[in-house]
C-alpha atoms as a PDB file:
ATOM      1  CA  MET A   1     -12.939  56.772  -8.500  1.00  0.00           C
ATOM      2  CA  THR A   2     -13.401  52.496  -8.727  1.00  0.00           C
ATOM      3  CA  SER A   3     -13.135  50.725  -5.718  1.00  0.00           C
ATOM      4  CA  ALA A   4     -14.082  46.886  -5.768  1.00  0.00           C
ATOM      5  CA  ASN A   5     -15.521  44.272  -3.517  1.00  0.00           C
ATOM      6  CA  LEU A   6     -15.905  40.258  -3.652  1.00  0.00           C
ATOM      7  CA  ASP A   7     -18.867  38.351  -1.970  1.00  0.00           C
ATOM      8  CA  LEU A   8     -20.854  35.632  -2.144  1.00  0.00           C
ATOM      9  CA  THR A   9     -22.521  36.451  -4.527  1.00  0.00           C
ATOM     10  CA  GLY A  10     -20.618  37.987  -7.060  1.00  0.00           C
ATOM     11  CA  PHE A  11     -18.082  40.618  -7.788  1.00  0.00           C
ATOM     12  CA  ASP A  12     -19.292  44.350  -7.079  1.00  0.00           C
ATOM     13  CA  TYR A  13     -17.145  47.367  -9.015  1.00  0.00           C
ATOM     14  CA  ARG A  14     -18.346  51.632  -8.517  1.00  0.00           C
ATOM     15  CA  TYR A  15     -17.793  53.681 -11.067  1.00  0.00           C
ATOM     16  CA  LEU A  16     -18.196  56.901 -11.143  1.00  0.00           C
ATOM     17  CA  VAL A  17     -18.197  57.673 -14.554  1.00  0.00           C
ATOM     18  CA  PRO A  18     -16.431  60.673 -15.663  1.00  0.00           C
ATOM     19  CA  HIS A  19     -16.113  62.685 -18.804  1.00  0.00           C
ATOM     20  CA  SER A  20     -14.122  60.920 -20.671  1.00  0.00           C
ATOM     21  CA  ASP A  21     -16.475  58.511 -21.054  1.00  0.00           C
ATOM     22  CA  ILE A  22     -19.289  60.646 -22.330  1.00  0.00           C
ATOM     23  CA  ASP A  23     -19.591  60.880 -25.822  1.00  0.00           C
ATOM     24  CA  ASP A  24     -21.180  63.524 -27.992  1.00  0.00           C
ATOM     25  CA  SER A  25     -24.811  63.032 -27.044  1.00  0.00           C
ATOM     26  CA  GLY A  26     -23.954  63.497 -23.342  1.00  0.00           C
ATOM     27  CA  VAL A  27     -23.951  59.469 -22.800  1.00  0.00           C
ATOM     28  CA  MET A  28     -21.277  57.077 -21.846  1.00  0.00           C
ATOM     29  CA  HIS A  29     -20.284  55.440 -25.303  1.00  0.00           C
ATOM     30  CA  PHE A  30     -21.306  52.236 -25.809  1.00  0.00           C
ATOM     31  CA  SER A  31     -18.170  50.552 -25.639  1.00  0.00           C
ATOM     32  CA  ARG A  32     -17.446  51.262 -22.137  1.00  0.00           C
ATOM     33  CA  TYR A  33     -19.642  48.968 -20.746  1.00  0.00           C
ATOM     34  CA  PRO A  34     -18.448  45.597 -21.375  1.00  0.00           C
ATOM     35  CA  ALA A  35     -15.290  46.901 -20.683  1.00  0.00           C
ATOM     36  CA  LEU A  36     -16.340  47.924 -16.705  1.00  0.00           C
ATOM     37  CA  VAL A  37     -17.658  44.099 -16.677  1.00  0.00           C
ATOM     38  CA  GLU A  38     -14.396  43.097 -17.697  1.00  0.00           C
ATOM     39  CA  THR A  39     -12.817  44.979 -14.803  1.00  0.00           C
ATOM     40  CA  ALA A  40     -15.107  44.164 -12.248  1.00  0.00           C
ATOM     41  CA  LEU A  41     -14.528  40.247 -12.619  1.00  0.00           C
ATOM     42  CA  LEU A  42     -10.881  40.607 -13.011  1.00  0.00           C
ATOM     43  CA  GLN A  43     -10.664  42.969  -9.467  1.00  0.00           C
ATOM     44  CA  GLY A  44     -12.731  40.518  -7.917  1.00  0.00           C
ATOM     45  CA  LEU A  45     -10.274  37.820  -9.381  1.00  0.00           C
ATOM     46  CA  ARG A  46      -7.349  40.207  -7.923  1.00  0.00           C
ATOM     47  CA  THR A  47      -8.939  40.121  -4.708  1.00  0.00           C
ATOM     48  CA  ALA A  48      -9.201  36.832  -4.519  1.00  0.00           C
ATOM     49  CA  GLY A  49      -6.071  36.295  -5.049  1.00  0.00           C
ATOM     50  CA  TRP A  50      -6.440  35.199  -8.795  1.00  0.00           C
ATOM     51  CA  GLY A  51      -5.229  38.288 -10.809  1.00  0.00           C
ATOM     52  CA  LEU A  52      -3.096  38.007 -14.207  1.00  0.00           C
ATOM     53  CA  ALA A  53      -0.254  37.356 -13.158  1.00  0.00           C
ATOM     54  CA  GLU A  54      -1.513  34.975 -10.398  1.00  0.00           C
ATOM     55  CA  LEU A  55      -2.848  33.419 -13.525  1.00  0.00           C
ATOM     56  CA  ARG A  56      -0.637  33.704 -15.960  1.00  0.00           C
ATOM     57  CA  ALA A  57       1.809  32.084 -13.053  1.00  0.00           C
ATOM     58  CA  HIS A  58      -1.029  28.650 -13.156  1.00  0.00           C
ATOM     59  CA  GLY A  59      -0.784  28.441 -17.024  1.00  0.00           C
ATOM     60  CA  CYS A  60      -3.970  30.242 -18.230  1.00  0.00           C
ATOM     61  CA  GLN A  61      -5.594  33.717 -19.165  1.00  0.00           C
ATOM     62  CA  LEU A  62      -9.149  35.073 -20.104  1.00  0.00           C
ATOM     63  CA  VAL A  63      -9.877  35.707 -23.279  1.00  0.00           C
ATOM     64  CA  VAL A  64     -13.810  37.614 -24.234  1.00  0.00           C
ATOM     65  CA  ALA A  65     -15.498  34.475 -27.032  1.00  0.00           C
ATOM     66  CA  GLN A  66     -19.102  36.022 -26.822  1.00  0.00           C
ATOM     67  CA  LEU A  67     -21.121  38.841 -25.716  1.00  0.00           C
ATOM     68  CA  GLN A  68     -24.455  39.696 -25.871  1.00  0.00           C
ATOM     69  CA  VAL A  69     -25.317  43.017 -24.811  1.00  0.00           C
ATOM     70  CA  SER A  70     -28.777  44.718 -23.967  1.00  0.00           C
ATOM     71  CA  TYR A  71     -29.125  48.443 -23.201  1.00  0.00           C
ATOM     72  CA  ARG A  72     -31.742  49.741 -21.232  1.00  0.00           C
ATOM     73  CA  SER A  73     -31.152  53.016 -20.054  1.00  0.00           C
ATOM     74  CA  PRO A  74     -27.437  55.398 -20.146  1.00  0.00           C
ATOM     75  CA  ALA A  75     -25.477  56.582 -17.778  1.00  0.00           C
ATOM     76  CA  ARG A  76     -24.646  60.463 -17.825  1.00  0.00           C
ATOM     77  CA  LEU A  77     -21.536  62.548 -15.844  1.00  0.00           C
ATOM     78  CA  LEU A  78     -21.409  61.872 -12.624  1.00  0.00           C
ATOM     79  CA  ASP A  79     -23.109  58.667 -12.865  1.00  0.00           C
ATOM     80  CA  GLU A  80     -21.968  56.975 -10.013  1.00  0.00           C
ATOM     81  CA  LEU A  81     -22.347  53.200 -11.124  1.00  0.00           C
ATOM     82  CA  VAL A  82     -22.483  49.549  -9.213  1.00  0.00           C
ATOM     83  CA  VAL A  83     -20.697  47.538 -11.717  1.00  0.00           C
ATOM     84  CA  ARG A  84     -21.727  43.427 -10.554  1.00  0.00           C
ATOM     85  CA  ALA A  85     -20.313  40.411 -12.710  1.00  0.00           C
ATOM     86  CA  TRP A  86     -20.760  37.093 -11.167  1.00  0.00           C
ATOM     87  CA  PRO A  87     -20.243  33.068 -12.907  1.00  0.00           C
ATOM     88  CA  GLU A  88     -23.396  31.990 -14.457  1.00  0.00           C
ATOM     89  CA  HIS A  89     -21.481  28.324 -15.777  1.00  0.00           C
ATOM     90  CA  ILE A  90     -17.987  27.367 -15.403  1.00  0.00           C
ATOM     91  CA  GLY A  91     -16.893  25.090 -18.688  1.00  0.00           C
ATOM     92  CA  GLY A  92     -14.248  22.887 -19.407  1.00  0.00           C
ATOM     93  CA  VAL A  93     -12.287  25.210 -21.499  1.00  0.00           C
ATOM     94  CA  GLN A  94     -14.639  28.351 -20.216  1.00  0.00           C
ATOM     95  CA  LEU A  95     -16.449  30.512 -18.496  1.00  0.00           C
ATOM     96  CA  ARG A  96     -19.863  32.137 -18.704  1.00  0.00           C
ATOM     97  CA  VAL A  97     -20.295  36.112 -17.061  1.00  0.00           C
ATOM     98  CA  GLY A  98     -22.937  37.569 -15.734  1.00  0.00           C
ATOM     99  CA  GLY A  99     -23.008  41.616 -15.216  1.00  0.00           C
ATOM    100  CA  LEU A 100     -25.181  43.895 -14.324  1.00  0.00           C
ATOM    101  CA  ILE A 101     -24.762  47.764 -14.200  1.00  0.00           C
ATOM    102  CA  SER A 102     -27.110  50.200 -12.275  1.00  0.00           C
ATOM    103  CA  ALA A 103     -27.047  54.076 -11.235  1.00  0.00           C
ATOM    104  CA  ALA A 104     -29.247  55.190  -8.271  1.00  0.00           C
ATOM    105  CA  GLY A 105     -30.848  51.489  -8.044  1.00  0.00           C
ATOM    106  CA  GLU A 106     -31.918  51.193 -12.416  1.00  0.00           C
ATOM    107  CA  ARG A 107     -30.913  48.646 -13.984  1.00  0.00           C
ATOM    108  CA  LEU A 108     -28.861  50.519 -17.190  1.00  0.00           C
ATOM    109  CA  VAL A 109     -27.158  47.164 -18.562  1.00  0.00           C
ATOM    110  CA  GLU A 110     -27.356  43.457 -18.708  1.00  0.00           C
ATOM    111  CA  LEU A 111     -24.795  41.238 -20.374  1.00  0.00           C
ATOM    112  CA  SER A 112     -23.098  37.830 -20.642  1.00  0.00           C
ATOM    113  CA  MET A 113     -19.972  37.027 -21.783  1.00  0.00           C
ATOM    114  CA  VAL A 114     -17.996  33.993 -22.940  1.00  0.00           C
ATOM    115  CA  LEU A 115     -14.733  33.419 -21.666  1.00  0.00           C
ATOM    116  CA  GLY A 116     -12.166  31.011 -23.220  1.00  0.00           C
ATOM    117  CA  VAL A 117      -9.661  29.700 -21.130  1.00  0.00           C
ATOM    118  CA  LEU A 118      -6.209  29.363 -22.950  1.00  0.00           C
ATOM    119  CA  ASP A 119      -2.699  28.394 -22.500  1.00  0.00           C
ATOM    120  CA  PRO A 120      -0.713  31.750 -22.676  1.00  0.00           C
ATOM    121  CA  ARG A 121       2.211  29.900 -24.480  1.00  0.00           C
ATOM    122  CA  THR A 122       0.459  27.712 -26.962  1.00  0.00           C
ATOM    123  CA  GLU A 123      -2.761  29.899 -27.033  1.00  0.00           C
ATOM    124  CA  ARG A 124      -4.656  26.648 -26.731  1.00  0.00           C
ATOM    125  CA  PRO A 125      -7.781  26.065 -24.650  1.00  0.00           C
ATOM    126  CA  THR A 126      -6.788  24.595 -20.858  1.00  0.00           C
ATOM    127  CA  ARG A 127      -8.761  23.891 -18.083  1.00  0.00           C
ATOM    128  CA  LEU A 128      -8.957  26.963 -14.813  1.00  0.00           C
ATOM    129  CA  PRO A 129      -7.014  25.265 -12.555  1.00  0.00           C
ATOM    130  CA  ALA A 130      -8.516  23.359  -9.472  1.00  0.00           C
ATOM    131  CA  ALA A 131      -8.301  25.814  -6.775  1.00  0.00           C
ATOM    132  CA  LEU A 132      -9.487  28.675  -9.282  1.00  0.00           C
ATOM    133  CA  ARG A 133     -13.036  26.268 -10.335  1.00  0.00           C
ATOM    134  CA  GLY A 134     -13.614  26.235  -6.639  1.00  0.00           C
ATOM    135  CA  MET A 135     -13.751  29.440  -5.668  1.00  0.00           C
ATOM    136  CA  LEU A 136     -15.923  29.860  -8.797  1.00  0.00           C
ATOM    137  CA  THR A 137     -18.494  27.545  -8.607  1.00  0.00           C
ATOM    138  CA  GLY A 138     -18.673  28.458  -4.600  1.00  0.00           C
ATOM    139  CA  LEU A 139     -20.286  31.700  -6.620  1.00  0.00           C
ATOM    140  CA  LEU A 140     -22.749  29.669  -8.962  1.00  0.00           C
ATOM    141  CA  PRO A 141     -26.418  31.334  -8.507  1.00  0.00           C
ATOM    142  CA  THR A 142     -28.718  28.829  -6.108  1.00  0.00           C
ATOM    143  CA  PRO A 143     -31.438  27.673  -8.255  1.00  0.00           C
ATOM    144  CA  ASP A 144     -34.825  29.172  -6.389  1.00  0.00           C
ATOM    145  CA  LEU A 145     -36.793  25.976  -5.940  1.00  0.00           C
ATOM    146  CA  GLU A 146     -38.940  27.727  -4.495  1.00  0.00           C
ATOM    147  CA  GLY A 147     -42.817  26.699  -5.291  1.00  0.00           C
ATOM    148  CA  VAL A 148     -41.383  23.870  -6.843  1.00  0.00           C
END
């Protein structure tokens, strides 16, 4: 069971943990968490009109260049996860994405992923299309200046 949603702060993706994601110790395998955040991002982009085919048509593809994961607590069979991905920084040829996975209001995993933007024909760095950059810029977190 999966679904994706776009709001003004990022992309949400709901995921019901199936048996195939559970390891021998009864928890979701550690490798699944980054993949779910990437899926939340890609599903959100697709919902906003920037699916993989549209990215390629505009001469770009996103590739993971760096990944940092903090595991707090494991997901278990049939947990309903809320997976959130949002842009943290939009650079010239890179995009940093934040991710959070929670279940029943508890934070399970937090991560940061740097995506390189490549031209799929040459596999060389390229800039994000202006329209996509504008959409993502609208999702950047607003600094909390209260008390400054």
